[in-house]
Amino acid sequence: MITSTTSRAEHRRSDQRGVVLIMALVMLIVMTLAGIALMRSVSTSGVVAGNLAFQQAATHSADVGIETAVAFLTGATAAQLQTTSRGGPGTRYIAHREDPSSGQSWDDFWTKKLDPTDVNTIATPDAASNTVSYVIHRLCSVDGPANTAATCSAAPPALGTKTGGMGGGVVGIAPPSQVYYRITARVTGPRNSLSYVQVVVAM
């Protein structure tokens, strides 16, 4: 009887060792899968952070195109700003507005509809390897003098008060002295980063 009881106890302990081994293998598999998932999560987070950094750098690089366009508008004569200038060695400029059609994105408009001869490109990429291009639109419906609110988007007229004589208290309306210009900068960079920045200036 003693021998039989001892044999059953040893057999039971042997079965328990087998269950522990299986549980240990299952836990090892679970921990391995958790480790792989954590590594992939960290890797994905790194890629996303890197892409955001490239996108932000591309947006900052657009300042070069904006400032170059503003410098052109500031230095141009009134006659130059009345006429569209395409191609040639100088700055390319559009004296009338061109807009994406309804539902069309600016990237689609830039790549498919905008005339390539209207685009100015900074010759040398910046330190972040971003290439900056820009286009200038005068917000007028047609080329020509920008002296009528019917053809150009202009700043609100200045208001003044006439004084003296019968004109005292009469509000005088001065004609618009500034016209709006829209500058659109497009930046392409590493990892297919793409950024558009638009600025409207009144001059």
Foldseek 3Di string as FASTA:
>chain_A
DVVVVVVVVVVVVVVVVVVVVVVVVVVVVVVVVVVVVVVVVVVVVVVVVVLVVLQVVQVVVQVVVVVVVVVCVVPDDQVVLQDADFDDDDQGAANEDDDDDPPDDPVCCVVPPDDPRQKAWDPDQDPQAKTKIKGKYFHFHHGDHPQDVVTFPFDAWDWDQDDDDPRGRPIDTDGTDWTKMKMWMWMAGPPRHIDIDIDIDID
